[in-house]
Amino acid sequence: MGIGSGIALFVIGAILVFALNIDTGGYVDLDLIGYILMGAGVVVFLISLILVMRSRRTETVDRTAVDPATGERVTRRSIRDNEPLA
């Protein structure tokens, strides 16, 4: 599930709550189902947004060592980008 799924759940729930006026004979409360779907859509959207923002961090690692031949300090930097490929 992703951001689009959260939006879709929210829209389907809003349609059930605000657009449909169907009498089901008291067996099924479409308004309650719509509110539940809207809440689930918001939760899925927020979790997906947090996971997307979390995966865009970069990690930088600096390693310092002494070159045995010359005795100089050598610093190596590696940068890892966690952005997913398109």
PDB file of N, CA and C in Angstrom:
ATOM      1  N   MET A   1       0.849  -1.176   0.000  1.00  0.00           N
ATOM      2  CA  MET A   1       0.000   0.000   0.000  1.00  0.00           C
ATOM      3  C   MET A   1       0.895   1.239   0.000  1.00  0.00           C
ATOM      4  N   GLY A   2       0.430   2.250  -0.630  1.00  0.00           N
ATOM      5  CA  GLY A   2       1.212   3.460  -0.692  1.00  0.00           C
ATOM      6  C   GLY A   2       0.342   4.682  -0.518  1.00  0.00           C
ATOM      7  N   ILE A   3       0.896   5.788  -0.930  1.00  0.00           N
ATOM      8  CA  ILE A   3       0.190   7.059  -0.792  1.00  0.00           C
ATOM      9  C   ILE A   3      -1.103   7.028  -1.603  1.00  0.00           C
ATOM     10  N   GLY A   4      -1.056   6.477  -2.785  1.00  0.00           N
ATOM     11  CA  GLY A   4      -2.248   6.397  -3.623  1.00  0.00           C
ATOM     12  C   GLY A   4      -3.332   5.526  -3.011  1.00  0.00           C
ATOM     13  N   SER A   5      -2.937   4.453  -2.355  1.00  0.00           N
ATOM     14  CA  SER A   5      -3.920   3.585  -1.701  1.00  0.00           C
ATOM     15  C   SER A   5      -4.613   4.304  -0.555  1.00  0.00           C
ATOM     16  N   GLY A   6      -3.847   5.079   0.192  1.00  0.00           N
ATOM     17  CA  GLY A   6      -4.452   5.853   1.284  1.00  0.00           C
ATOM     18  C   GLY A   6      -5.453   6.874   0.780  1.00  0.00           C
ATOM     19  N   ILE A   7      -5.090   7.530  -0.309  1.00  0.00           N
ATOM     20  CA  ILE A   7      -6.013   8.510  -0.891  1.00  0.00           C
ATOM     21  C   ILE A   7      -7.262   7.815  -1.421  1.00  0.00           C
ATOM     22  N   ALA A   8      -7.083   6.649  -2.055  1.00  0.00           N
ATOM     23  CA  ALA A   8      -8.227   5.909  -2.599  1.00  0.00           C
ATOM     24  C   ALA A   8      -9.171   5.461  -1.484  1.00  0.00           C
ATOM     25  N   LEU A   9      -8.625   4.955  -0.388  1.00  0.00           N
ATOM     26  CA  LEU A   9      -9.472   4.556   0.742  1.00  0.00           C
ATOM     27  C   LEU A   9     -10.243   5.744   1.295  1.00  0.00           C
ATOM     28  N   PHE A  10      -9.574   6.879   1.408  1.00  0.00           N
ATOM     29  CA  PHE A  10     -10.230   8.075   1.929  1.00  0.00           C
ATOM     30  C   PHE A  10     -11.371   8.513   1.010  1.00  0.00           C
ATOM     31  N   VAL A  11     -11.129   8.498  -0.297  1.00  0.00           N
ATOM     32  CA  VAL A  11     -12.155   8.928  -1.258  1.00  0.00           C
ATOM     33  C   VAL A  11     -13.340   7.970  -1.249  1.00  0.00           C
ATOM     34  N   ILE A  12     -13.085   6.672  -1.220  1.00  0.00           N
ATOM     35  CA  ILE A  12     -14.184   5.701  -1.176  1.00  0.00           C
ATOM     36  C   ILE A  12     -15.002   5.882   0.098  1.00  0.00           C
ATOM     37  N   GLY A  13     -14.322   6.105   1.224  1.00  0.00           N
ATOM     38  CA  GLY A  13     -15.033   6.346   2.471  1.00  0.00           C
ATOM     39  C   GLY A  13     -15.854   7.617   2.424  1.00  0.00           C
ATOM     40  N   ALA A  14     -15.316   8.674   1.824  1.00  0.00           N
ATOM     41  CA  ALA A  14     -16.057   9.934   1.726  1.00  0.00           C
ATOM     42  C   ALA A  14     -17.284   9.773   0.824  1.00  0.00           C
ATOM     43  N   ILE A  15     -17.158   8.988  -0.227  1.00  0.00           N
ATOM     44  CA  ILE A  15     -18.317   8.733  -1.093  1.00  0.00           C
ATOM     45  C   ILE A  15     -19.398   7.990  -0.316  1.00  0.00           C
ATOM     46  N   LEU A  16     -18.991   6.997   0.471  1.00  0.00           N
ATOM     47  CA  LEU A  16     -19.976   6.254   1.261  1.00  0.00           C
ATOM     48  C   LEU A  16     -20.672   7.144   2.282  1.00  0.00           C
ATOM     49  N   VAL A  17     -19.938   8.069   2.881  1.00  0.00           N
ATOM     50  CA  VAL A  17     -20.518   8.911   3.928  1.00  0.00           C
ATOM     51  C   VAL A  17     -21.366  10.028   3.336  1.00  0.00           C
ATOM     52  N   PHE A  18     -20.829  10.745   2.370  1.00  0.00           N
ATOM     53  CA  PHE A  18     -21.450  11.995   1.955  1.00  0.00           C
ATOM     54  C   PHE A  18     -22.278  11.897   0.664  1.00  0.00           C
ATOM     55  N   ALA A  19     -21.989  10.945  -0.211  1.00  0.00           N
ATOM     56  CA  ALA A  19     -22.653  10.941  -1.505  1.00  0.00           C
ATOM     57  C   ALA A  19     -23.788   9.923  -1.605  1.00  0.00           C
ATOM     58  N   LEU A  20     -23.672   8.816  -0.904  1.00  0.00           N
ATOM     59  CA  LEU A  20     -24.687   7.773  -1.013  1.00  0.00           C
ATOM     60  C   LEU A  20     -25.722   7.903   0.089  1.00  0.00           C
ATOM     61  N   ASN A  21     -26.982   7.723  -0.282  1.00  0.00           N
ATOM     62  CA  ASN A  21     -28.063   7.737   0.689  1.00  0.00           C
ATOM     63  C   ASN A  21     -28.929   6.509   0.420  1.00  0.00           C
ATOM     64  N   ILE A  22     -28.379   5.350   0.790  1.00  0.00           N
ATOM     65  CA  ILE A  22     -29.042   4.082   0.525  1.00  0.00           C
ATOM     66  C   ILE A  22     -29.530   3.507   1.851  1.00  0.00           C
ATOM     67  N   ASP A  23     -30.777   3.076   1.886  1.00  0.00           N
ATOM     68  CA  ASP A  23     -31.332   2.444   3.080  1.00  0.00           C
ATOM     69  C   ASP A  23     -31.080   0.944   2.983  1.00  0.00           C
ATOM     70  N   THR A  24     -30.280   0.417   3.899  1.00  0.00           N
ATOM     71  CA  THR A  24     -29.942  -1.003   3.877  1.00  0.00           C
ATOM     72  C   THR A  24     -30.801  -1.804   4.842  1.00  0.00           C
ATOM     73  N   GLY A  25     -31.816  -1.183   5.413  1.00  0.00           N
ATOM     74  CA  GLY A  25     -32.699  -1.899   6.320  1.00  0.00           C
ATOM     75  C   GLY A  25     -32.134  -2.072   7.713  1.00  0.00           C
ATOM     76  N   GLY A  26     -31.125  -1.333   8.043  1.00  0.00           N
ATOM     77  CA  GLY A  26     -30.564  -1.392   9.395  1.00  0.00           C
ATOM     78  C   GLY A  26     -29.510  -2.452   9.599  1.00  0.00           C
ATOM     79  N   TYR A  27     -29.230  -3.256   8.583  1.00  0.00           N
ATOM     80  CA  TYR A  27     -28.235  -4.304   8.751  1.00  0.00           C
ATOM     81  C   TYR A  27     -26.812  -3.772   8.635  1.00  0.00           C
ATOM     82  N   VAL A  28     -26.614  -2.838   7.735  1.00  0.00           N
ATOM     83  CA  VAL A  28     -25.272  -2.294   7.490  1.00  0.00           C
ATOM     84  C   VAL A  28     -25.356  -0.778   7.564  1.00  0.00           C
ATOM     85  N   ASP A  29     -24.479  -0.195   8.366  1.00  0.00           N
ATOM     86  CA  ASP A  29     -24.419   1.259   8.483  1.00  0.00           C
ATOM     87  C   ASP A  29     -23.316   1.768   7.546  1.00  0.00           C
ATOM     88  N   LEU A  30     -23.709   2.263   6.381  1.00  0.00           N
ATOM     89  CA  LEU A  30     -22.728   2.708   5.387  1.00  0.00           C
ATOM     90  C   LEU A  30     -21.946   3.929   5.855  1.00  0.00           C
ATOM     91  N   ASP A  31     -22.582   4.769   6.687  1.00  0.00           N
ATOM     92  CA  ASP A  31     -21.844   5.922   7.212  1.00  0.00           C
ATOM     93  C   ASP A  31     -20.682   5.467   8.087  1.00  0.00           C
ATOM     94  N   LEU A  32     -20.911   4.487   8.944  1.00  0.00           N
ATOM     95  CA  LEU A  32     -19.841   3.989   9.811  1.00  0.00           C
ATOM     96  C   LEU A  32     -18.730   3.349   8.983  1.00  0.00           C
ATOM     97  N   ILE A  33     -19.093   2.559   7.989  1.00  0.00           N
ATOM     98  CA  ILE A  33     -18.082   1.942   7.121  1.00  0.00           C
ATOM     99  C   ILE A  33     -17.291   3.029   6.390  1.00  0.00           C
ATOM    100  N   GLY A  34     -17.977   4.083   5.951  1.00  0.00           N
ATOM    101  CA  GLY A  34     -17.294   5.183   5.280  1.00  0.00           C
ATOM    102  C   GLY A  34     -16.304   5.890   6.187  1.00  0.00           C
ATOM    103  N   TYR A  35     -16.715   6.145   7.450  1.00  0.00           N
ATOM    104  CA  TYR A  35     -15.796   6.790   8.391  1.00  0.00           C
ATOM    105  C   TYR A  35     -14.602   5.896   8.711  1.00  0.00           C
ATOM    106  N   ILE A  36     -14.842   4.605   8.813  1.00  0.00           N
ATOM    107  CA  ILE A  36     -13.734   3.671   9.060  1.00  0.00           C
ATOM    108  C   ILE A  36     -12.761   3.686   7.881  1.00  0.00           C
ATOM    109  N   LEU A  37     -13.285   3.667   6.654  1.00  0.00           N
ATOM    110  CA  LEU A  37     -12.416   3.713   5.481  1.00  0.00           C
ATOM    111  C   LEU A  37     -11.647   5.031   5.395  1.00  0.00           C
ATOM    112  N   MET A  38     -12.301   6.128   5.761  1.00  0.00           N
ATOM    113  CA  MET A  38     -11.605   7.416   5.749  1.00  0.00           C
ATOM    114  C   MET A  38     -10.476   7.434   6.775  1.00  0.00           C
ATOM    115  N   GLY A  39     -10.728   6.892   7.956  1.00  0.00           N
ATOM    116  CA  GLY A  39      -9.676   6.821   8.979  1.00  0.00           C
ATOM    117  C   GLY A  39      -8.532   5.936   8.548  1.00  0.00           C
ATOM    118  N   ALA A  40      -8.860   4.782   7.953  1.00  0.00           N
ATOM    119  CA  ALA A  40      -7.813   3.883   7.472  1.00  0.00           C
ATOM    120  C   ALA A  40      -7.008   4.545   6.354  1.00  0.00           C
ATOM    121  N   GLY A  41      -7.685   5.306   5.502  1.00  0.00           N
ATOM    122  CA  GLY A  41      -6.978   6.001   4.426  1.00  0.00           C
ATOM    123  C   GLY A  41      -5.988   7.018   4.953  1.00  0.00           C
ATOM    124  N   VAL A  42      -6.386   7.752   5.989  1.00  0.00           N
ATOM    125  CA  VAL A  42      -5.478   8.733   6.590  1.00  0.00           C
ATOM    126  C   VAL A  42      -4.273   8.032   7.213  1.00  0.00           C
ATOM    127  N   VAL A  43      -4.512   6.928   7.910  1.00  0.00           N
ATOM    128  CA  VAL A  43      -3.408   6.204   8.555  1.00  0.00           C
ATOM    129  C   VAL A  43      -2.441   5.653   7.506  1.00  0.00           C
ATOM    130  N   VAL A  44      -2.966   5.039   6.452  1.00  0.00           N
ATOM    131  CA  VAL A  44      -2.104   4.494   5.388  1.00  0.00           C
ATOM    132  C   VAL A  44      -1.325   5.609   4.712  1.00  0.00           C
ATOM    133  N   PHE A  45      -1.979   6.740   4.455  1.00  0.00           N
ATOM    134  CA  PHE A  45      -1.302   7.865   3.822  1.00  0.00           C
ATOM    135  C   PHE A  45      -0.152   8.374   4.692  1.00  0.00           C
ATOM    136  N   LEU A  46      -0.401   8.550   5.985  1.00  0.00           N
ATOM    137  CA  LEU A  46       0.648   9.070   6.873  1.00  0.00           C
ATOM    138  C   LEU A  46       1.804   8.089   7.025  1.00  0.00           C
ATOM    139  N   ILE A  47       1.506   6.805   7.163  1.00  0.00           N
ATOM    140  CA  ILE A  47       2.580   5.816   7.283  1.00  0.00           C
ATOM    141  C   ILE A  47       3.412   5.774   6.003  1.00  0.00           C
ATOM    142  N   SER A  48       2.752   5.814   4.858  1.00  0.00           N
ATOM    143  CA  SER A  48       3.488   5.809   3.589  1.00  0.00           C
ATOM    144  C   SER A  48       4.350   7.051   3.439  1.00  0.00           C
ATOM    145  N   LEU A  49       3.820   8.192   3.860  1.00  0.00           N
ATOM    146  CA  LEU A  49       4.578   9.435   3.773  1.00  0.00           C
ATOM    147  C   LEU A  49       5.802   9.389   4.681  1.00  0.00           C
ATOM    148  N   ILE A  50       5.655   8.846   5.875  1.00  0.00           N
ATOM    149  CA  ILE A  50       6.788   8.724   6.797  1.00  0.00           C
ATOM    150  C   ILE A  50       7.847   7.794   6.217  1.00  0.00           C
ATOM    151  N   LEU A  51       7.424   6.679   5.640  1.00  0.00           N
ATOM    152  CA  LEU A  51       8.390   5.741   5.065  1.00  0.00           C
ATOM    153  C   LEU A  51       9.106   6.332   3.857  1.00  0.00           C
ATOM    154  N   VAL A  52       8.411   7.123   3.056  1.00  0.00           N
ATOM    155  CA  VAL A  52       9.056   7.769   1.905  1.00  0.00           C
ATOM    156  C   VAL A  52      10.080   8.793   2.381  1.00  0.00           C
ATOM    157  N   MET A  53       9.727   9.581   3.372  1.00  0.00           N
ATOM    158  CA  MET A  53      10.660  10.596   3.872  1.00  0.00           C
ATOM    159  C   MET A  53      11.861   9.940   4.554  1.00  0.00           C
ATOM    160  N   ARG A  54      11.644   8.818   5.208  1.00  0.00           N
ATOM    161  CA  ARG A  54      12.730   8.126   5.893  1.00  0.00           C
ATOM    162  C   ARG A  54      13.721   7.526   4.908  1.00  0.00           C
ATOM    163  N   SER A  55      13.247   7.089   3.761  1.00  0.00           N
ATOM    164  CA  SER A  55      14.142   6.429   2.814  1.00  0.00           C
ATOM    165  C   SER A  55      14.989   7.412   2.016  1.00  0.00           C
ATOM    166  N   ARG A  56      14.787   8.699   2.166  1.00  0.00           N
ATOM    167  CA  ARG A  56      15.561   9.683   1.402  1.00  0.00           C
ATOM    168  C   ARG A  56      16.792  10.184   2.144  1.00  0.00           C
ATOM    169  N   ARG A  57      17.095   9.616   3.250  1.00  0.00           N
ATOM    170  CA  ARG A  57      18.290  10.039   3.989  1.00  0.00           C
ATOM    171  C   ARG A  57      19.550   9.524   3.320  1.00  0.00           C
ATOM    172  N   THR A  58      20.628  10.264   3.507  1.00  0.00           N
ATOM    173  CA  THR A  58      21.919   9.818   3.006  1.00  0.00           C
ATOM    174  C   THR A  58      22.832   9.545   4.191  1.00  0.00           C
ATOM    175  N   GLU A  59      23.718   8.604   3.998  1.00  0.00           N
ATOM    176  CA  GLU A  59      24.681   8.264   5.032  1.00  0.00           C
ATOM    177  C   GLU A  59      26.073   8.600   4.533  1.00  0.00           C
ATOM    178  N   THR A  60      26.846   9.280   5.369  1.00  0.00           N
ATOM    179  CA  THR A  60      28.215   9.632   5.029  1.00  0.00           C
ATOM    180  C   THR A  60      29.139   8.984   6.052  1.00  0.00           C
ATOM    181  N   VAL A  61      30.131   8.254   5.566  1.00  0.00           N
ATOM    182  CA  VAL A  61      31.075   7.575   6.438  1.00  0.00           C
ATOM    183  C   VAL A  61      32.470   8.050   6.067  1.00  0.00           C
ATOM    184  N   ASP A  62      33.211   8.568   7.048  1.00  0.00           N
ATOM    185  CA  ASP A  62      34.602   8.967   6.847  1.00  0.00           C
ATOM    186  C   ASP A  62      35.494   7.934   7.528  1.00  0.00           C
ATOM    187  N   ARG A  63      36.478   7.442   6.786  1.00  0.00           N
ATOM    188  CA  ARG A  63      37.431   6.491   7.345  1.00  0.00           C
ATOM    189  C   ARG A  63      38.825   7.076   7.188  1.00  0.00           C
ATOM    190  N   THR A  64      39.537   7.123   8.285  1.00  0.00           N
ATOM    191  CA  THR A  64      40.895   7.654   8.269  1.00  0.00           C
ATOM    192  C   THR A  64      41.859   6.515   8.593  1.00  0.00           C
ATOM    193  N   ALA A  65      42.880   6.400   7.777  1.00  0.00           N
ATOM    194  CA  ALA A  65      43.894   5.361   7.970  1.00  0.00           C
ATOM    195  C   ALA A  65      45.261   5.960   7.664  1.00  0.00           C
ATOM    196  N   VAL A  66      46.279   5.265   8.080  1.00  0.00           N
ATOM    197  CA  VAL A  66      47.651   5.690   7.813  1.00  0.00           C
ATOM    198  C   VAL A  66      48.203   4.809   6.703  1.00  0.00           C
ATOM    199  N   ASP A  67      48.717   5.472   5.651  1.00  0.00           N
ATOM    200  CA  ASP A  67      49.309   4.742   4.542  1.00  0.00           C
ATOM    201  C   ASP A  67      50.631   4.149   5.011  1.00  0.00           C
ATOM    202  N   PRO A  68      50.801   2.819   4.956  1.00  0.00           N
ATOM    203  CA  PRO A  68      52.031   2.217   5.488  1.00  0.00           C
ATOM    204  C   PRO A  68      53.283   2.584   4.691  1.00  0.00           C
ATOM    205  N   ALA A  69      53.119   2.904   3.427  1.00  0.00           N
ATOM    206  CA  ALA A  69      54.296   3.205   2.610  1.00  0.00           C
ATOM    207  C   ALA A  69      54.829   4.604   2.895  1.00  0.00           C
ATOM    208  N   THR A  70      53.941   5.583   3.018  1.00  0.00           N
ATOM    209  CA  THR A  70      54.392   6.966   3.178  1.00  0.00           C
ATOM    210  C   THR A  70      54.196   7.507   4.585  1.00  0.00           C
ATOM    211  N   GLY A  71      53.375   6.880   5.373  1.00  0.00           N
ATOM    212  CA  GLY A  71      53.106   7.372   6.717  1.00  0.00           C
ATOM    213  C   GLY A  71      52.092   8.506   6.749  1.00  0.00           C
ATOM    214  N   GLU A  72      51.467   8.815   5.621  1.00  0.00           N
ATOM    215  CA  GLU A  72      50.471   9.893   5.572  1.00  0.00           C
ATOM    216  C   GLU A  72      49.108   9.377   6.014  1.00  0.00           C
ATOM    217  N   ARG A  73      48.337  10.315   6.534  1.00  0.00           N
ATOM    218  CA  ARG A  73      46.955   9.989   6.867  1.00  0.00           C
ATOM    219  C   ARG A  73      46.115  10.099   5.604  1.00  0.00           C
ATOM    220  N   VAL A  74      45.294   9.091   5.392  1.00  0.00           N
ATOM    221  CA  VAL A  74      44.436   9.043   4.218  1.00  0.00           C
ATOM    222  C   VAL A  74      42.995   8.980   4.711  1.00  0.00           C
ATOM    223  N   THR A  75      42.200   9.903   4.219  1.00  0.00           N
ATOM    224  CA  THR A  75      40.781   9.917   4.589  1.00  0.00           C
ATOM    225  C   THR A  75      39.953   9.530   3.382  1.00  0.00           C
ATOM    226  N   ARG A  76      39.100   8.551   3.579  1.00  0.00           N
ATOM    227  CA  ARG A  76      38.210   8.109   2.517  1.00  0.00           C
ATOM    228  C   ARG A  76      36.779   8.371   2.956  1.00  0.00           C
ATOM    229  N   ARG A  77      36.039   8.973   2.079  1.00  0.00           N
ATOM    230  CA  ARG A  77      34.639   9.293   2.378  1.00  0.00           C
ATOM    231  C   ARG A  77      33.749   8.512   1.431  1.00  0.00           C
ATOM    232  N   SER A  78      32.769   7.835   2.005  1.00  0.00           N
ATOM    233  CA  SER A  78      31.782   7.138   1.174  1.00  0.00           C
ATOM    234  C   SER A  78      30.394   7.687   1.527  1.00  0.00           C
ATOM    235  N   ILE A  79      29.647   7.988   0.489  1.00  0.00           N
ATOM    236  CA  ILE A  79      28.304   8.548   0.659  1.00  0.00           C
ATOM    237  C   ILE A  79      27.327   7.561   0.036  1.00  0.00           C
ATOM    238  N   ARG A  80      26.347   7.173   0.846  1.00  0.00           N
ATOM    239  CA  ARG A  80      25.323   6.270   0.338  1.00  0.00           C
ATOM    240  C   ARG A  80      23.993   6.989   0.348  1.00  0.00           C
ATOM    241  N   ASP A  81      23.376   7.019  -0.790  1.00  0.00           N
ATOM    242  CA  ASP A  81      22.092   7.697  -0.954  1.00  0.00           C
ATOM    243  C   ASP A  81      21.004   6.633  -0.947  1.00  0.00           C
ATOM    244  N   ASN A  82      20.031   6.772  -0.053  1.00  0.00           N
ATOM    245  CA  ASN A  82      18.987   5.776   0.079  1.00  0.00           C
ATOM    246  C   ASN A  82      17.777   6.044  -0.804  1.00  0.00           C
ATOM    247  N   GLU A  83      17.862   6.974  -1.727  1.00  0.00           N
ATOM    248  CA  GLU A  83      16.711   7.264  -2.582  1.00  0.00           C
ATOM    249  C   GLU A  83      16.479   6.094  -3.526  1.00  0.00           C
ATOM    250  N   PRO A  84      15.229   5.664  -3.625  1.00  0.00           N
ATOM    251  CA  PRO A  84      14.944   4.571  -4.558  1.00  0.00           C
ATOM    252  C   PRO A  84      15.046   5.048  -6.000  1.00  0.00           C
ATOM    253  N   LEU A  85      15.419   4.152  -6.850  1.00  0.00           N
ATOM    254  CA  LEU A  85      15.499   4.506  -8.269  1.00  0.00           C
ATOM    255  C   LEU A  85      14.098   4.590  -8.836  1.00  0.00           C
ATOM    256  N   ALA A  86      13.904   5.496  -9.769  1.00  0.00           N
ATOM    257  CA  ALA A  86      12.578   5.733 -10.339  1.00  0.00           C
ATOM    258  C   ALA A  86      12.033   4.466 -10.903  1.00  0.00           C
TER     259      ALA A  86
END
